PDB file of N, CA and C in Angstrom:
ATOM      1  N   MET A   1      15.201 -29.200   1.836  1.00  0.00           N
ATOM      2  CA  MET A   1      13.942 -28.604   2.242  1.00  0.00           C
ATOM      3  C   MET A   1      12.859 -29.103   1.264  1.00  0.00           C
ATOM      4  N   THR A   2      11.758 -29.444   1.841  1.00  0.00           N
ATOM      5  CA  THR A   2      10.631 -29.899   0.999  1.00  0.00           C
ATOM      6  C   THR A   2       9.920 -28.660   0.390  1.00  0.00           C
ATOM      7  N   LEU A   3       9.136 -28.986  -0.645  1.00  0.00           N
ATOM      8  CA  LEU A   3       8.385 -27.905  -1.289  1.00  0.00           C
ATOM      9  C   LEU A   3       7.400 -27.290  -0.310  1.00  0.00           C
ATOM     10  N   THR A   4       6.772 -28.130   0.479  1.00  0.00           N
ATOM     11  CA  THR A   4       5.799 -27.613   1.461  1.00  0.00           C
ATOM     12  C   THR A   4       6.446 -26.661   2.450  1.00  0.00           C
ATOM     13  N   LYS A   5       7.655 -27.027   2.938  1.00  0.00           N
ATOM     14  CA  LYS A   5       8.352 -26.109   3.902  1.00  0.00           C
ATOM     15  C   LYS A   5       8.766 -24.823   3.186  1.00  0.00           C
ATOM     16  N   LEU A   6       9.157 -24.923   1.929  1.00  0.00           N
ATOM     17  CA  LEU A   6       9.518 -23.690   1.198  1.00  0.00           C
ATOM     18  C   LEU A   6       8.337 -22.797   1.025  1.00  0.00           C
ATOM     19  N   VAL A   7       7.197 -23.360   0.657  1.00  0.00           N
ATOM     20  CA  VAL A   7       5.968 -22.566   0.515  1.00  0.00           C
ATOM     21  C   VAL A   7       5.584 -21.899   1.828  1.00  0.00           C
ATOM     22  N   ASP A   8       5.646 -22.678   2.911  1.00  0.00           N
ATOM     23  CA  ASP A   8       5.326 -22.137   4.247  1.00  0.00           C
ATOM     24  C   ASP A   8       6.289 -20.974   4.608  1.00  0.00           C
ATOM     25  N   LEU A   9       7.595 -21.167   4.296  1.00  0.00           N
ATOM     26  CA  LEU A   9       8.599 -20.145   4.611  1.00  0.00           C
ATOM     27  C   LEU A   9       8.359 -18.871   3.791  1.00  0.00           C
ATOM     28  N   VAL A  10       8.036 -19.006   2.516  1.00  0.00           N
ATOM     29  CA  VAL A  10       7.762 -17.853   1.664  1.00  0.00           C
ATOM     30  C   VAL A  10       6.499 -17.147   2.112  1.00  0.00           C
ATOM     31  N   ALA A  11       5.463 -17.900   2.468  1.00  0.00           N
ATOM     32  CA  ALA A  11       4.260 -17.298   2.973  1.00  0.00           C
ATOM     33  C   ALA A  11       4.490 -16.522   4.250  1.00  0.00           C
ATOM     34  N   ALA A  12       5.199 -17.112   5.223  1.00  0.00           N
ATOM     35  CA  ALA A  12       5.477 -16.429   6.488  1.00  0.00           C
ATOM     36  C   ALA A  12       6.348 -15.213   6.221  1.00  0.00           C
ATOM     37  N   SER A  13       7.323 -15.336   5.368  1.00  0.00           N
ATOM     38  CA  SER A  13       8.187 -14.194   5.065  1.00  0.00           C
ATOM     39  C   SER A  13       7.403 -13.055   4.395  1.00  0.00           C
ATOM     40  N   GLY A  14       6.420 -13.414   3.567  1.00  0.00           N
ATOM     41  CA  GLY A  14       5.588 -12.419   2.901  1.00  0.00           C
ATOM     42  C   GLY A  14       4.731 -11.659   3.924  1.00  0.00           C
ATOM     43  N   ILE A  15       4.188 -12.343   4.873  1.00  0.00           N
ATOM     44  CA  ILE A  15       3.396 -11.708   5.916  1.00  0.00           C
ATOM     45  C   ILE A  15       4.264 -10.785   6.756  1.00  0.00           C
ATOM     46  N   VAL A  16       5.447 -11.269   7.143  1.00  0.00           N
ATOM     47  CA  VAL A  16       6.363 -10.403   7.909  1.00  0.00           C
ATOM     48  C   VAL A  16       6.765  -9.193   7.113  1.00  0.00           C
ATOM     49  N   GLY A  17       7.045  -9.370   5.808  1.00  0.00           N
ATOM     50  CA  GLY A  17       7.452  -8.235   4.962  1.00  0.00           C
ATOM     51  C   GLY A  17       6.327  -7.221   4.759  1.00  0.00           C
ATOM     52  N   THR A  18       5.090  -7.695   4.754  1.00  0.00           N
ATOM     53  CA  THR A  18       3.982  -6.805   4.568  1.00  0.00           C
ATOM     54  C   THR A  18       3.823  -5.850   5.782  1.00  0.00           C
ATOM     55  N   LEU A  19       4.106  -6.368   6.967  1.00  0.00           N
ATOM     56  CA  LEU A  19       3.968  -5.623   8.189  1.00  0.00           C
ATOM     57  C   LEU A  19       5.232  -4.867   8.600  1.00  0.00           C
ATOM     58  N   LEU A  20       6.385  -5.260   8.041  1.00  0.00           N
ATOM     59  CA  LEU A  20       7.645  -4.658   8.430  1.00  0.00           C
ATOM     60  C   LEU A  20       7.701  -3.161   8.224  1.00  0.00           C
ATOM     61  N   PRO A  21       7.101  -2.553   7.207  1.00  0.00           N
ATOM     62  CA  PRO A  21       7.213  -1.101   7.080  1.00  0.00           C
ATOM     63  C   PRO A  21       6.717  -0.328   8.309  1.00  0.00           C
ATOM     64  N   ILE A  22       5.792  -0.875   9.046  1.00  0.00           N
ATOM     65  CA  ILE A  22       5.341  -0.197  10.259  1.00  0.00           C
ATOM     66  C   ILE A  22       6.419  -0.252  11.331  1.00  0.00           C
ATOM     67  N   VAL A  23       7.090  -1.362  11.459  1.00  0.00           N
ATOM     68  CA  VAL A  23       8.191  -1.487  12.394  1.00  0.00           C
ATOM     69  C   VAL A  23       9.342  -0.511  12.003  1.00  0.00           C
ATOM     70  N   ILE A  24       9.606  -0.475  10.693  1.00  0.00           N
ATOM     71  CA  ILE A  24      10.625   0.429  10.195  1.00  0.00           C
ATOM     72  C   ILE A  24      10.268   1.884  10.527  1.00  0.00           C
ATOM     73  N   ALA A  25       8.979   2.190  10.336  1.00  0.00           N
ATOM     74  CA  ALA A  25       8.499   3.564  10.638  1.00  0.00           C
ATOM     75  C   ALA A  25       8.641   3.907  12.117  1.00  0.00           C
ATOM     76  N   LEU A  26       8.513   2.918  12.975  1.00  0.00           N
ATOM     77  CA  LEU A  26       8.685   3.135  14.414  1.00  0.00           C
ATOM     78  C   LEU A  26      10.106   3.473  14.762  1.00  0.00           C
ATOM     79  N   VAL A  27      11.099   2.861  14.019  1.00  0.00           N
ATOM     80  CA  VAL A  27      12.507   3.069  14.318  1.00  0.00           C
ATOM     81  C   VAL A  27      13.044   4.314  13.608  1.00  0.00           C
ATOM     82  N   ASN A  28      12.676   4.541  12.382  1.00  0.00           N
ATOM     83  CA  ASN A  28      13.202   5.714  11.633  1.00  0.00           C
ATOM     84  C   ASN A  28      12.759   7.003  12.283  1.00  0.00           C
ATOM     85  N   GLN A  29      13.597   7.956  12.154  1.00  0.00           N
ATOM     86  CA  GLN A  29      13.317   9.329  12.628  1.00  0.00           C
ATOM     87  C   GLN A  29      13.118  10.274  11.442  1.00  0.00           C
ATOM     88  N   GLU A  30      12.133  11.101  11.536  1.00  0.00           N
ATOM     89  CA  GLU A  30      11.756  12.008  10.468  1.00  0.00           C
ATOM     90  C   GLU A  30      12.959  12.808   9.891  1.00  0.00           C
ATOM     91  N   HIS A  31      13.878  13.205  10.728  1.00  0.00           N
ATOM     92  CA  HIS A  31      14.933  14.092  10.305  1.00  0.00           C
ATOM     93  C   HIS A  31      16.208  13.314   9.796  1.00  0.00           C
ATOM     94  N   TRP A  32      16.158  12.017   9.799  1.00  0.00           N
ATOM     95  CA  TRP A  32      17.262  11.223   9.315  1.00  0.00           C
ATOM     96  C   TRP A  32      17.391  11.295   7.795  1.00  0.00           C
ATOM     97  N   PRO A  33      18.601  11.270   7.236  1.00  0.00           N
ATOM     98  CA  PRO A  33      18.731  11.309   5.780  1.00  0.00           C
ATOM     99  C   PRO A  33      18.311   9.975   5.166  1.00  0.00           C
ATOM    100  N   PRO A  34      17.979  10.030   3.916  1.00  0.00           N
ATOM    101  CA  PRO A  34      17.531   8.783   3.256  1.00  0.00           C
ATOM    102  C   PRO A  34      18.480   7.598   3.386  1.00  0.00           C
ATOM    103  N   ARG A  35      19.792   7.846   3.389  1.00  0.00           N
ATOM    104  CA  ARG A  35      20.759   6.727   3.555  1.00  0.00           C
ATOM    105  C   ARG A  35      20.573   6.029   4.876  1.00  0.00           C
ATOM    106  N   ALA A  36      20.371   6.813   5.926  1.00  0.00           N
ATOM    107  CA  ALA A  36      20.182   6.192   7.257  1.00  0.00           C
ATOM    108  C   ALA A  36      18.911   5.432   7.279  1.00  0.00           C
ATOM    109  N   LYS A  37      17.819   5.923   6.705  1.00  0.00           N
ATOM    110  CA  LYS A  37      16.590   5.231   6.655  1.00  0.00           C
ATOM    111  C   LYS A  37      16.704   3.951   5.833  1.00  0.00           C
ATOM    112  N   GLY A  38      17.477   4.002   4.763  1.00  0.00           N
ATOM    113  CA  GLY A  38      17.703   2.776   3.944  1.00  0.00           C
ATOM    114  C   GLY A  38      18.493   1.748   4.701  1.00  0.00           C
ATOM    115  N   ALA A  39      19.471   2.189   5.485  1.00  0.00           N
ATOM    116  CA  ALA A  39      20.240   1.228   6.314  1.00  0.00           C
ATOM    117  C   ALA A  39      19.346   0.599   7.367  1.00  0.00           C
ATOM    118  N   VAL A  40      18.421   1.351   7.968  1.00  0.00           N
ATOM    119  CA  VAL A  40      17.524   0.776   8.915  1.00  0.00           C
ATOM    120  C   VAL A  40      16.623  -0.253   8.251  1.00  0.00           C
ATOM    121  N   THR A  41      16.102   0.070   7.073  1.00  0.00           N
ATOM    122  CA  THR A  41      15.263  -0.833   6.320  1.00  0.00           C
ATOM    123  C   THR A  41      15.980  -2.118   6.013  1.00  0.00           C
ATOM    124  N   ALA A  42      17.187  -2.039   5.478  1.00  0.00           N
ATOM    125  CA  ALA A  42      17.931  -3.232   5.136  1.00  0.00           C
ATOM    126  C   ALA A  42      18.272  -4.091   6.369  1.00  0.00           C
ATOM    127  N   THR A  43      18.704  -3.424   7.438  1.00  0.00           N
ATOM    128  CA  THR A  43      19.031  -4.121   8.648  1.00  0.00           C
ATOM    129  C   THR A  43      17.817  -4.877   9.255  1.00  0.00           C
ATOM    130  N   LEU A  44      16.729  -4.172   9.328  1.00  0.00           N
ATOM    131  CA  LEU A  44      15.527  -4.781   9.898  1.00  0.00           C
ATOM    132  C   LEU A  44      14.991  -5.887   9.001  1.00  0.00           C
ATOM    133  N   ALA A  45      15.137  -5.736   7.687  1.00  0.00           N
ATOM    134  CA  ALA A  45      14.702  -6.820   6.787  1.00  0.00           C
ATOM    135  C   ALA A  45      15.551  -8.087   6.979  1.00  0.00           C
ATOM    136  N   VAL A  46      16.854  -7.901   7.132  1.00  0.00           N
ATOM    137  CA  VAL A  46      17.740  -9.077   7.353  1.00  0.00           C
ATOM    138  C   VAL A  46      17.388  -9.729   8.693  1.00  0.00           C
ATOM    139  N   ILE A  47      17.246  -8.936   9.733  1.00  0.00           N
ATOM    140  CA  ILE A  47      16.925  -9.495  11.056  1.00  0.00           C
ATOM    141  C   ILE A  47      15.526 -10.195  10.967  1.00  0.00           C
ATOM    142  N   ALA A  48      14.534  -9.551  10.374  1.00  0.00           N
ATOM    143  CA  ALA A  48      13.200 -10.150  10.289  1.00  0.00           C
ATOM    144  C   ALA A  48      13.239 -11.423   9.462  1.00  0.00           C
ATOM    145  N   GLY A  49      13.997 -11.427   8.350  1.00  0.00           N
ATOM    146  CA  GLY A  49      14.084 -12.609   7.546  1.00  0.00           C
ATOM    147  C   GLY A  49      14.742 -13.807   8.231  1.00  0.00           C
ATOM    148  N   LEU A  50      15.833 -13.527   8.972  1.00  0.00           N
ATOM    149  CA  LEU A  50      16.487 -14.565   9.731  1.00  0.00           C
ATOM    150  C   LEU A  50      15.612 -15.099  10.847  1.00  0.00           C
ATOM    151  N   ILE A  51      14.939 -14.248  11.560  1.00  0.00           N
ATOM    152  CA  ILE A  51      14.038 -14.670  12.603  1.00  0.00           C
ATOM    153  C   ILE A  51      12.858 -15.496  12.032  1.00  0.00           C
ATOM    154  N   THR A  52      12.373 -15.056  10.884  1.00  0.00           N
ATOM    155  CA  THR A  52      11.270 -15.807  10.215  1.00  0.00           C
ATOM    156  C   THR A  52      11.725 -17.181   9.812  1.00  0.00           C
ATOM    157  N   ALA A  53      12.879 -17.298   9.241  1.00  0.00           N
ATOM    158  CA  ALA A  53      13.413 -18.625   8.819  1.00  0.00           C
ATOM    159  C   ALA A  53      13.632 -19.512  10.061  1.00  0.00           C
ATOM    160  N   TRP A  54      14.167 -18.941  11.077  1.00  0.00           N
ATOM    161  CA  TRP A  54      14.415 -19.726  12.319  1.00  0.00           C
ATOM    162  C   TRP A  54      13.085 -20.166  12.891  1.00  0.00           C
ATOM    163  N   GLY A  55      12.096 -19.237  12.978  1.00  0.00           N
ATOM    164  CA  GLY A  55      10.810 -19.553  13.549  1.00  0.00           C
ATOM    165  C   GLY A  55      10.058 -20.567  12.746  1.00  0.00           C
ATOM    166  N   ALA A  56      10.285 -20.611  11.432  1.00  0.00           N
ATOM    167  CA  ALA A  56       9.640 -21.594  10.587  1.00  0.00           C
ATOM    168  C   ALA A  56      10.341 -22.944  10.608  1.00  0.00           C
ATOM    169  N   GLY A  57      11.457 -22.999  11.341  1.00  0.00           N
ATOM    170  CA  GLY A  57      12.225 -24.256  11.411  1.00  0.00           C
ATOM    171  C   GLY A  57      12.957 -24.545  10.099  1.00  0.00           C
ATOM    172  N   SER A  58      13.273 -23.475   9.396  1.00  0.00           N
ATOM    173  CA  SER A  58      13.963 -23.620   8.105  1.00  0.00           C
ATOM    174  C   SER A  58      15.261 -22.847   8.062  1.00  0.00           C
ATOM    175  N   PHE A  59      16.070 -23.053   9.081  1.00  0.00           N
ATOM    176  CA  PHE A  59      17.357 -22.299   9.160  1.00  0.00           C
ATOM    177  C   PHE A  59      18.505 -23.135   8.655  1.00  0.00           C
ATOM    178  N   ASP A  60      18.355 -23.728   7.459  1.00  0.00           N
ATOM    179  CA  ASP A  60      19.378 -24.501   6.862  1.00  0.00           C
ATOM    180  C   ASP A  60      19.491 -24.213   5.408  1.00  0.00           C
ATOM    181  N   GLY A  61      20.673 -24.454   4.850  1.00  0.00           N
ATOM    182  CA  GLY A  61      20.848 -24.215   3.412  1.00  0.00           C
ATOM    183  C   GLY A  61      20.564 -22.774   3.000  1.00  0.00           C
ATOM    184  N   ALA A  62      19.825 -22.608   1.929  1.00  0.00           N
ATOM    185  CA  ALA A  62      19.524 -21.308   1.392  1.00  0.00           C
ATOM    186  C   ALA A  62      18.263 -20.664   2.039  1.00  0.00           C
ATOM    187  N   SER A  63      17.628 -21.349   2.928  1.00  0.00           N
ATOM    188  CA  SER A  63      16.348 -20.918   3.508  1.00  0.00           C
ATOM    189  C   SER A  63      16.443 -19.473   4.113  1.00  0.00           C
ATOM    190  N   PRO A  64      17.483 -19.220   4.907  1.00  0.00           N
ATOM    191  CA  PRO A  64      17.608 -17.836   5.483  1.00  0.00           C
ATOM    192  C   PRO A  64      17.682 -16.771   4.407  1.00  0.00           C
ATOM    193  N   VAL A  65      18.422 -17.079   3.353  1.00  0.00           N
ATOM    194  CA  VAL A  65      18.587 -16.148   2.239  1.00  0.00           C
ATOM    195  C   VAL A  65      17.258 -15.894   1.538  1.00  0.00           C
ATOM    196  N   VAL A  66      16.554 -17.008   1.290  1.00  0.00           N
ATOM    197  CA  VAL A  66      15.193 -16.868   0.688  1.00  0.00           C
ATOM    198  C   VAL A  66      14.285 -16.047   1.523  1.00  0.00           C
ATOM    199  N   SER A  67      14.284 -16.293   2.791  1.00  0.00           N
ATOM    200  CA  SER A  67      13.381 -15.556   3.686  1.00  0.00           C
ATOM    201  C   SER A  67      13.801 -14.099   3.689  1.00  0.00           C
ATOM    202  N   VAL A  68      15.073 -13.725   3.780  1.00  0.00           N
ATOM    203  CA  VAL A  68      15.489 -12.315   3.781  1.00  0.00           C
ATOM    204  C   VAL A  68      15.076 -11.608   2.485  1.00  0.00           C
ATOM    205  N   VAL A  69      15.289 -12.268   1.368  1.00  0.00           N
ATOM    206  CA  VAL A  69      14.925 -11.679   0.064  1.00  0.00           C
ATOM    207  C   VAL A  69      13.437 -11.471  -0.027  1.00  0.00           C
ATOM    208  N   VAL A  70      12.630 -12.428   0.375  1.00  0.00           N
ATOM    209  CA  VAL A  70      11.167 -12.303   0.358  1.00  0.00           C
ATOM    210  C   VAL A  70      10.716 -11.178   1.275  1.00  0.00           C
ATOM    211  N   VAL A  71      11.253 -11.127   2.459  1.00  0.00           N
ATOM    212  CA  VAL A  71      10.891 -10.056   3.415  1.00  0.00           C
ATOM    213  C   VAL A  71      11.224  -8.686   2.823  1.00  0.00           C
ATOM    214  N   LEU A  72      12.455  -8.536   2.309  1.00  0.00           N
ATOM    215  CA  LEU A  72      12.862  -7.263   1.751  1.00  0.00           C
ATOM    216  C   LEU A  72      11.983  -6.832   0.562  1.00  0.00           C
ATOM    217  N   LEU A  73      11.751  -7.761  -0.366  1.00  0.00           N
ATOM    218  CA  LEU A  73      10.949  -7.400  -1.557  1.00  0.00           C
ATOM    219  C   LEU A  73       9.478  -7.138  -1.182  1.00  0.00           C
ATOM    220  N   THR A  74       8.957  -7.953  -0.281  1.00  0.00           N
ATOM    221  CA  THR A  74       7.566  -7.732   0.152  1.00  0.00           C
ATOM    222  C   THR A  74       7.412  -6.412   0.898  1.00  0.00           C
ATOM    223  N   ALA A  75       8.355  -6.129   1.762  1.00  0.00           N
ATOM    224  CA  ALA A  75       8.312  -4.889   2.541  1.00  0.00           C
ATOM    225  C   ALA A  75       8.372  -3.681   1.581  1.00  0.00           C
ATOM    226  N   SER A  76       9.220  -3.761   0.621  1.00  0.00           N
ATOM    227  CA  SER A  76       9.338  -2.676  -0.348  1.00  0.00           C
ATOM    228  C   SER A  76       8.012  -2.498  -1.164  1.00  0.00           C
ATOM    229  N   GLY A  77       7.504  -3.634  -1.621  1.00  0.00           N
ATOM    230  CA  GLY A  77       6.266  -3.575  -2.389  1.00  0.00           C
ATOM    231  C   GLY A  77       5.060  -3.102  -1.527  1.00  0.00           C
ATOM    232  N   ALA A  78       4.989  -3.595  -0.307  1.00  0.00           N
ATOM    233  CA  ALA A  78       3.885  -3.182   0.540  1.00  0.00           C
ATOM    234  C   ALA A  78       3.968  -1.701   0.899  1.00  0.00           C
ATOM    235  N   PHE A  79       5.182  -1.227   1.138  1.00  0.00           N
ATOM    236  CA  PHE A  79       5.360   0.186   1.455  1.00  0.00           C
ATOM    237  C   PHE A  79       4.921   1.060   0.285  1.00  0.00           C
ATOM    238  N   GLN A  80       5.415   0.728  -0.921  1.00  0.00           N
ATOM    239  CA  GLN A  80       5.102   1.535  -2.101  1.00  0.00           C
ATOM    240  C   GLN A  80       3.641   1.458  -2.501  1.00  0.00           C
ATOM    241  N   SER A  81       3.028   0.276  -2.331  1.00  0.00           N
ATOM    242  CA  SER A  81       1.644   0.132  -2.871  1.00  0.00           C
ATOM    243  C   SER A  81       0.550   0.375  -1.796  1.00  0.00           C
ATOM    244  N   PHE A  82       0.917   0.278  -0.509  1.00  0.00           N
ATOM    245  CA  PHE A  82      -0.119   0.439   0.528  1.00  0.00           C
ATOM    246  C   PHE A  82       0.268   1.480   1.588  1.00  0.00           C
ATOM    247  N   TRP A  83       1.361   1.227   2.297  1.00  0.00           N
ATOM    248  CA  TRP A  83       1.696   2.042   3.462  1.00  0.00           C
ATOM    249  C   TRP A  83       2.001   3.496   3.070  1.00  0.00           C
ATOM    250  N   LYS A  84       2.685   3.701   1.952  1.00  0.00           N
ATOM    251  CA  LYS A  84       3.036   5.071   1.502  1.00  0.00           C
ATOM    252  C   LYS A  84       1.811   5.815   1.022  1.00  0.00           C
ATOM    253  N   PRO A  85       0.979   5.257   0.107  1.00  0.00           N
ATOM    254  CA  PRO A  85      -0.175   6.003  -0.336  1.00  0.00           C
ATOM    255  C   PRO A  85      -1.180   6.337   0.789  1.00  0.00           C
ATOM    256  N   THR A  86      -1.274   5.469   1.769  1.00  0.00           N
ATOM    257  CA  THR A  86      -2.222   5.766   2.874  1.00  0.00           C
ATOM    258  C   THR A  86      -1.605   6.751   3.885  1.00  0.00           C
ATOM    259  N   ARG A  87      -0.283   6.970   3.775  1.00  0.00           N
ATOM    260  CA  ARG A  87       0.442   7.837   4.656  1.00  0.00           C
ATOM    261  C   ARG A  87       0.542   7.369   6.091  1.00  0.00           C
ATOM    262  N   PHE A  88       0.095   6.122   6.326  1.00  0.00           N
ATOM    263  CA  PHE A  88       0.102   5.578   7.704  1.00  0.00           C
ATOM    264  C   PHE A  88       1.519   5.459   8.253  1.00  0.00           C
ATOM    265  N   ALA A  89       2.430   4.960   7.381  1.00  0.00           N
ATOM    266  CA  ALA A  89       3.841   4.817   7.789  1.00  0.00           C
ATOM    267  C   ALA A  89       4.449   6.186   8.143  1.00  0.00           C
ATOM    268  N   ASP A  90       4.115   7.175   7.313  1.00  0.00           N
ATOM    269  CA  ASP A  90       4.627   8.541   7.614  1.00  0.00           C
ATOM    270  C   ASP A  90       4.094   9.024   8.938  1.00  0.00           C
ATOM    271  N   LEU A  91       2.861   8.800   9.202  1.00  0.00           N
ATOM    272  CA  LEU A  91       2.230   9.237  10.446  1.00  0.00           C
ATOM    273  C   LEU A  91       2.878   8.544  11.659  1.00  0.00           C
ATOM    274  N   VAL A  92       3.221   7.246  11.519  1.00  0.00           N
ATOM    275  CA  VAL A  92       3.881   6.524  12.607  1.00  0.00           C
ATOM    276  C   VAL A  92       5.301   7.133  12.784  1.00  0.00           C
ATOM    277  N   GLU A  93       6.013   7.350  11.668  1.00  0.00           N
ATOM    278  CA  GLU A  93       7.370   7.872  11.776  1.00  0.00           C
ATOM    279  C   GLU A  93       7.386   9.242  12.407  1.00  0.00           C
ATOM    280  N   VAL A  94       6.513  10.117  12.013  1.00  0.00           N
ATOM    281  CA  VAL A  94       6.456  11.449  12.585  1.00  0.00           C
ATOM    282  C   VAL A  94       6.054  11.436  14.071  1.00  0.00           C
ATOM    283  N   SER A  95       5.122  10.549  14.392  1.00  0.00           N
ATOM    284  CA  SER A  95       4.685  10.409  15.788  1.00  0.00           C
ATOM    285  C   SER A  95       5.708   9.816  16.711  1.00  0.00           C
ATOM    286  N   THR A  96       6.624   9.096  16.209  1.00  0.00           N
ATOM    287  CA  THR A  96       7.673   8.445  17.038  1.00  0.00           C
ATOM    288  C   THR A  96       9.031   9.069  16.895  1.00  0.00           C
ATOM    289  N   THR A  97       9.104  10.251  16.247  1.00  0.00           N
ATOM    290  CA  THR A  97      10.378  10.937  16.099  1.00  0.00           C
ATOM    291  C   THR A  97      10.660  11.694  17.404  1.00  0.00           C
ATOM    292  N   PHE A  98      11.874  11.535  17.878  1.00  0.00           N
ATOM    293  CA  PHE A  98      12.279  12.160  19.168  1.00  0.00           C
ATOM    294  C   PHE A  98      12.690  13.619  18.968  1.00  0.00           C
ATOM    295  N   ALA A  99      13.558  13.935  17.992  1.00  0.00           N
ATOM    296  CA  ALA A  99      14.001  15.261  17.755  1.00  0.00           C
ATOM    297  C   ALA A  99      13.175  15.857  16.601  1.00  0.00           C
ATOM    298  N   ARG A 100      12.650  17.016  16.843  1.00  0.00           N
ATOM    299  CA  ARG A 100      11.780  17.638  15.858  1.00  0.00           C
ATOM    300  C   ARG A 100      12.522  18.597  14.883  1.00  0.00           C
ATOM    301  N   THR A 101      13.782  18.766  15.040  1.00  0.00           N
ATOM    302  CA  THR A 101      14.539  19.658  14.203  1.00  0.00           C
ATOM    303  C   THR A 101      15.349  18.923  13.215  1.00  0.00           C
ATOM    304  N   LYS A 102      15.576  19.535  12.088  1.00  0.00           N
ATOM    305  CA  LYS A 102      16.450  18.934  11.086  1.00  0.00           C
ATOM    306  C   LYS A 102      17.902  19.056  11.511  1.00  0.00           C
ATOM    307  N   VAL A 103      18.669  18.043  11.226  1.00  0.00           N
ATOM    308  CA  VAL A 103      20.084  18.036  11.548  1.00  0.00           C
ATOM    309  C   VAL A 103      20.801  18.763  10.380  1.00  0.00           C
ATOM    310  N   PRO A 104      21.576  19.816  10.698  1.00  0.00           N
ATOM    311  CA  PRO A 104      22.238  20.561   9.603  1.00  0.00           C
ATOM    312  C   PRO A 104      23.301  19.619   8.964  1.00  0.00           C
ATOM    313  N   THR A 105      23.396  19.770   7.650  1.00  0.00           N
ATOM    314  CA  THR A 105      24.387  18.981   6.947  1.00  0.00           C
ATOM    315  C   THR A 105      25.383  19.937   6.280  1.00  0.00           C
ATOM    316  N   ASN A 106      26.652  19.504   6.218  1.00  0.00           N
ATOM    317  CA  ASN A 106      27.674  20.331   5.625  1.00  0.00           C
ATOM    318  C   ASN A 106      28.182  19.564   4.440  1.00  0.00           C
ATOM    319  N   HIS A 107      27.900  20.038   3.265  1.00  0.00           N
ATOM    320  CA  HIS A 107      28.296  19.411   2.014  1.00  0.00           C
ATOM    321  C   HIS A 107      29.534  20.085   1.409  1.00  0.00           C
ATOM    322  N   GLY A 108      30.415  20.590   2.286  1.00  0.00           N
ATOM    323  CA  GLY A 108      31.601  21.238   1.801  1.00  0.00           C
ATOM    324  C   GLY A 108      31.436  22.670   1.339  1.00  0.00           C
ATOM    325  N   HIS A 109      30.348  23.312   1.714  1.00  0.00           N
ATOM    326  CA  HIS A 109      30.091  24.672   1.297  1.00  0.00           C
ATOM    327  C   HIS A 109      30.458  25.628   2.431  1.00  0.00           C
TER     328      HIS A 109
END
């Protein structure tokens, strides 16, 4: 992979990662436990990274791994620094939640 293709892949992955928290918020449900929300985040980051690498024509060698890592790190950073403080992601998650009740959990008590 050339340096130019790598820079293009990282830039595209960064853009995708910046917007991914909104997609994650569309999928996540307000009543889901943090583990389930984390699994959704990781799964969507992997899918988005692989699609980004493929779309950039860089689906060879370490390129998909680079794309997935950049998407995941950028999504995390964008969520913490922008989407979470503005509460926009929370608004999307609450607005797209199907069940409005909390699921009871049994922790052996």
